[in-house]
Amino acid sequence: MNKENKFKKAKFEEEIKELISSFIRKNISDTRLSFVSITKVELNGDYSVATVYWDTFNTTTRGDSKKAIEGITGKVRHHLSTVLKVRQTPIINFIYDAQYESEQKITRILEEENKRNALQTETLIEQH
């Protein structure tokens, strides 16, 4: 894929992301989706499938949010078919994006390692 096509694809992915986010905020009144945000969209090579990554600020209700977001897949695709000027609307696959949780876990591990290193440094200094 050349540079221009990559740019067009990225731009189209961003457009889909914004359209889905806006649609959920303005047209869906399901409270389980109040804290859901669309984090990223990836299209396959022929643009026929869109993988839509989502996250929620309230991780305790992630299961309910997942059920709700899976329940609106058809509505989202229908909405995209009415606003996108493309011959075929991509199939939508929603996937939970655990990036934030992963970042928190990595941060916690690094902080623990820094504390352990500081403690070892103090012990070495005291021994000399």
C-alpha atoms as a PDB file:
ATOM      1  CA  MET A   1       0.000   0.000   0.000  1.00  0.00           C
ATOM      2  CA  ASN A   2       1.471   3.314  -1.022  1.00  0.00           C
ATOM      3  CA  LYS A   3       1.669   6.393   1.172  1.00  0.00           C
ATOM      4  CA  GLU A   4      -1.402   8.089  -0.308  1.00  0.00           C
ATOM      5  CA  ASN A   5      -3.596   5.016   0.201  1.00  0.00           C
ATOM      6  CA  LYS A   6      -2.397   4.682   3.813  1.00  0.00           C
ATOM      7  CA  PHE A   7      -3.344   8.306   4.401  1.00  0.00           C
ATOM      8  CA  LYS A   8      -6.797   7.803   2.858  1.00  0.00           C
ATOM      9  CA  LYS A   9      -7.330   4.671   4.933  1.00  0.00           C
ATOM     10  CA  ALA A  10      -6.291   6.419   8.160  1.00  0.00           C
ATOM     11  CA  LYS A  11      -8.552   9.340   7.332  1.00  0.00           C
ATOM     12  CA  PHE A  12     -11.493   7.007   6.608  1.00  0.00           C
ATOM     13  CA  GLU A  13     -10.854   5.103   9.874  1.00  0.00           C
ATOM     14  CA  GLU A  14     -10.874   8.378  11.794  1.00  0.00           C
ATOM     15  CA  GLU A  15     -14.103   9.440  10.087  1.00  0.00           C
ATOM     16  CA  ILE A  16     -15.788   6.158  11.057  1.00  0.00           C
ATOM     17  CA  LYS A  17     -14.547   6.553  14.632  1.00  0.00           C
ATOM     18  CA  GLU A  18     -16.010  10.059  14.886  1.00  0.00           C
ATOM     19  CA  LEU A  19     -19.317   9.031  13.296  1.00  0.00           C
ATOM     20  CA  ILE A  20     -19.774   6.077  15.644  1.00  0.00           C
ATOM     21  CA  SER A  21     -18.841   8.144  18.714  1.00  0.00           C
ATOM     22  CA  SER A  22     -21.257  10.872  17.736  1.00  0.00           C
ATOM     23  CA  PHE A  23     -24.030   8.388  16.943  1.00  0.00           C
ATOM     24  CA  ILE A  24     -23.710   6.698  20.336  1.00  0.00           C
ATOM     25  CA  ARG A  25     -23.740  10.038  22.188  1.00  0.00           C
ATOM     26  CA  LYS A  26     -26.657  11.579  20.289  1.00  0.00           C
ATOM     27  CA  ASN A  27     -28.894   8.671  19.303  1.00  0.00           C
ATOM     28  CA  ILE A  28     -28.481   5.918  21.891  1.00  0.00           C
ATOM     29  CA  SER A  29     -30.052   6.469  25.292  1.00  0.00           C
ATOM     30  CA  ASP A  30     -28.812   3.231  26.882  1.00  0.00           C
ATOM     31  CA  THR A  31     -27.220   4.244  30.201  1.00  0.00           C
ATOM     32  CA  ARG A  32     -24.818   1.298  29.973  1.00  0.00           C
ATOM     33  CA  LEU A  33     -23.082   3.208  27.174  1.00  0.00           C
ATOM     34  CA  SER A  34     -22.749   6.531  29.027  1.00  0.00           C
ATOM     35  CA  PHE A  35     -19.077   5.994  29.873  1.00  0.00           C
ATOM     36  CA  VAL A  36     -18.099   4.180  26.668  1.00  0.00           C
ATOM     37  CA  SER A  37     -15.696   5.802  24.250  1.00  0.00           C
ATOM     38  CA  ILE A  38     -14.518   4.653  20.861  1.00  0.00           C
ATOM     39  CA  THR A  39     -10.730   4.564  20.949  1.00  0.00           C
ATOM     40  CA  LYS A  40      -9.730   3.356  17.502  1.00  0.00           C
ATOM     41  CA  VAL A  41     -11.032   1.918  14.228  1.00  0.00           C
ATOM     42  CA  GLU A  42      -9.052  -0.410  11.972  1.00  0.00           C
ATOM     43  CA  LEU A  43     -10.213  -1.367   8.492  1.00  0.00           C
ATOM     44  CA  ASN A  44      -9.102  -4.523   6.729  1.00  0.00           C
ATOM     45  CA  GLY A  45      -7.422  -4.313   3.314  1.00  0.00           C
ATOM     46  CA  ASP A  46     -10.576  -4.038   1.201  1.00  0.00           C
ATOM     47  CA  TYR A  47     -12.432  -1.857   3.746  1.00  0.00           C
ATOM     48  CA  SER A  48     -15.158  -4.494   4.156  1.00  0.00           C
ATOM     49  CA  VAL A  49     -14.629  -5.037   7.901  1.00  0.00           C
ATOM     50  CA  ALA A  50     -14.113  -2.361  10.544  1.00  0.00           C
ATOM     51  CA  THR A  51     -12.728  -3.423  13.893  1.00  0.00           C
ATOM     52  CA  VAL A  52     -13.959  -0.821  16.369  1.00  0.00           C
ATOM     53  CA  TYR A  53     -12.100  -0.633  19.672  1.00  0.00           C
ATOM     54  CA  TRP A  54     -13.947   0.745  22.688  1.00  0.00           C
ATOM     55  CA  ASP A  55     -13.169   1.441  26.325  1.00  0.00           C
ATOM     56  CA  THR A  56     -15.140   2.453  29.373  1.00  0.00           C
ATOM     57  CA  PHE A  57     -14.185   4.714  32.251  1.00  0.00           C
ATOM     58  CA  ASN A  58     -16.142   2.503  34.633  1.00  0.00           C
ATOM     59  CA  THR A  59     -14.478  -0.907  34.459  1.00  0.00           C
ATOM     60  CA  THR A  60     -16.925  -2.413  36.946  1.00  0.00           C
ATOM     61  CA  THR A  61     -19.700  -2.206  34.337  1.00  0.00           C
ATOM     62  CA  ARG A  62     -17.602  -3.440  31.419  1.00  0.00           C
ATOM     63  CA  GLY A  63     -19.714  -6.600  30.976  1.00  0.00           C
ATOM     64  CA  ASP A  64     -22.953  -4.610  30.782  1.00  0.00           C
ATOM     65  CA  SER A  65     -21.342  -2.134  28.398  1.00  0.00           C
ATOM     66  CA  LYS A  66     -20.166  -5.006  26.196  1.00  0.00           C
ATOM     67  CA  LYS A  67     -23.710  -6.408  25.960  1.00  0.00           C
ATOM     68  CA  ALA A  68     -25.089  -2.959  25.153  1.00  0.00           C
ATOM     69  CA  ILE A  69     -22.493  -2.180  22.502  1.00  0.00           C
ATOM     70  CA  GLU A  70     -22.988  -5.562  20.851  1.00  0.00           C
ATOM     71  CA  GLY A  71     -26.718  -4.856  20.845  1.00  0.00           C
ATOM     72  CA  ILE A  72     -26.350  -1.670  18.810  1.00  0.00           C
ATOM     73  CA  THR A  73     -24.038  -3.085  16.131  1.00  0.00           C
ATOM     74  CA  GLY A  74     -26.829  -3.216  13.543  1.00  0.00           C
ATOM     75  CA  LYS A  75     -27.971   0.329  14.311  1.00  0.00           C
ATOM     76  CA  VAL A  76     -24.410   1.605  14.017  1.00  0.00           C
ATOM     77  CA  ARG A  77     -23.877  -0.094  10.662  1.00  0.00           C
ATOM     78  CA  HIS A  78     -27.215   1.219   9.385  1.00  0.00           C
ATOM     79  CA  HIS A  79     -26.277   4.743  10.483  1.00  0.00           C
ATOM     80  CA  LEU A  80     -22.910   4.468   8.718  1.00  0.00           C
ATOM     81  CA  SER A  81     -24.674   3.273   5.558  1.00  0.00           C
ATOM     82  CA  THR A  82     -26.750   6.455   5.529  1.00  0.00           C
ATOM     83  CA  VAL A  83     -23.915   8.937   6.114  1.00  0.00           C
ATOM     84  CA  LEU A  84     -20.881   7.388   4.440  1.00  0.00           C
ATOM     85  CA  LYS A  85     -20.630   7.851   0.730  1.00  0.00           C
ATOM     86  CA  VAL A  86     -19.357   4.355  -0.055  1.00  0.00           C
ATOM     87  CA  ARG A  87     -20.726   1.497  -2.097  1.00  0.00           C
ATOM     88  CA  GLN A  88     -20.499  -1.047   0.718  1.00  0.00           C
ATOM     89  CA  THR A  89     -20.685  -0.254   4.421  1.00  0.00           C
ATOM     90  CA  PRO A  90     -18.087  -2.205   6.404  1.00  0.00           C
ATOM     91  CA  ILE A  91     -19.132  -4.969   8.785  1.00  0.00           C
ATOM     92  CA  ILE A  92     -18.640  -3.724  12.350  1.00  0.00           C
ATOM     93  CA  ASN A  93     -16.792  -5.775  14.975  1.00  0.00           C
ATOM     94  CA  PHE A  94     -16.596  -4.217  18.428  1.00  0.00           C
ATOM     95  CA  ILE A  95     -13.594  -5.216  20.560  1.00  0.00           C
ATOM     96  CA  TYR A  96     -12.815  -4.066  24.088  1.00  0.00           C
ATOM     97  CA  ASP A  97      -9.612  -2.015  24.203  1.00  0.00           C
ATOM     98  CA  ALA A  98      -7.698  -2.891  27.371  1.00  0.00           C
ATOM     99  CA  GLN A  99      -4.910  -0.411  26.641  1.00  0.00           C
ATOM    100  CA  TYR A 100      -5.632   1.784  29.682  1.00  0.00           C
ATOM    101  CA  GLU A 101      -5.687  -1.197  32.042  1.00  0.00           C
ATOM    102  CA  SER A 102      -2.450  -2.495  30.500  1.00  0.00           C
ATOM    103  CA  GLU A 103      -0.815   0.906  30.968  1.00  0.00           C
ATOM    104  CA  GLN A 104      -1.863   0.958  34.624  1.00  0.00           C
ATOM    105  CA  LYS A 105      -0.471  -2.542  35.164  1.00  0.00           C
ATOM    106  CA  ILE A 106       2.857  -1.610  33.546  1.00  0.00           C
ATOM    107  CA  THR A 107       3.046   1.571  35.632  1.00  0.00           C
ATOM    108  CA  ARG A 108       2.407  -0.419  38.821  1.00  0.00           C
ATOM    109  CA  ILE A 109       5.128  -2.947  37.916  1.00  0.00           C
ATOM    110  CA  LEU A 110       7.617  -0.158  37.158  1.00  0.00           C
ATOM    111  CA  GLU A 111       6.831   1.606  40.437  1.00  0.00           C
ATOM    112  CA  GLU A 112       7.340  -1.639  42.390  1.00  0.00           C
ATOM    113  CA  GLU A 113      10.623  -2.245  40.588  1.00  0.00           C
ATOM    114  CA  ASN A 114      11.798   1.321  41.347  1.00  0.00           C
ATOM    115  CA  LYS A 115      10.979   0.840  45.044  1.00  0.00           C
ATOM    116  CA  ARG A 116      12.851  -2.475  45.067  1.00  0.00           C
ATOM    117  CA  ASN A 117      15.882  -0.868  43.395  1.00  0.00           C
ATOM    118  CA  ALA A 118      15.843   2.056  45.831  1.00  0.00           C
ATOM    119  CA  LEU A 119      15.704  -0.355  48.771  1.00  0.00           C
ATOM    120  CA  GLN A 120      18.628  -2.375  47.382  1.00  0.00           C
ATOM    121  CA  THR A 121      20.624   0.823  46.840  1.00  0.00           C
ATOM    122  CA  GLU A 122      19.986   1.905  50.437  1.00  0.00           C
ATOM    123  CA  THR A 123      21.083  -1.503  51.705  1.00  0.00           C
ATOM    124  CA  LEU A 124      24.306  -1.366  49.691  1.00  0.00           C
ATOM    125  CA  ILE A 125      25.078   2.153  50.949  1.00  0.00           C
ATOM    126  CA  GLU A 126      24.514   1.093  54.563  1.00  0.00           C
ATOM    127  CA  GLN A 127      26.831  -1.897  54.142  1.00  0.00           C
ATOM    128  CA  HIS A 128      29.749   0.257  52.981  1.00  0.00           C
END
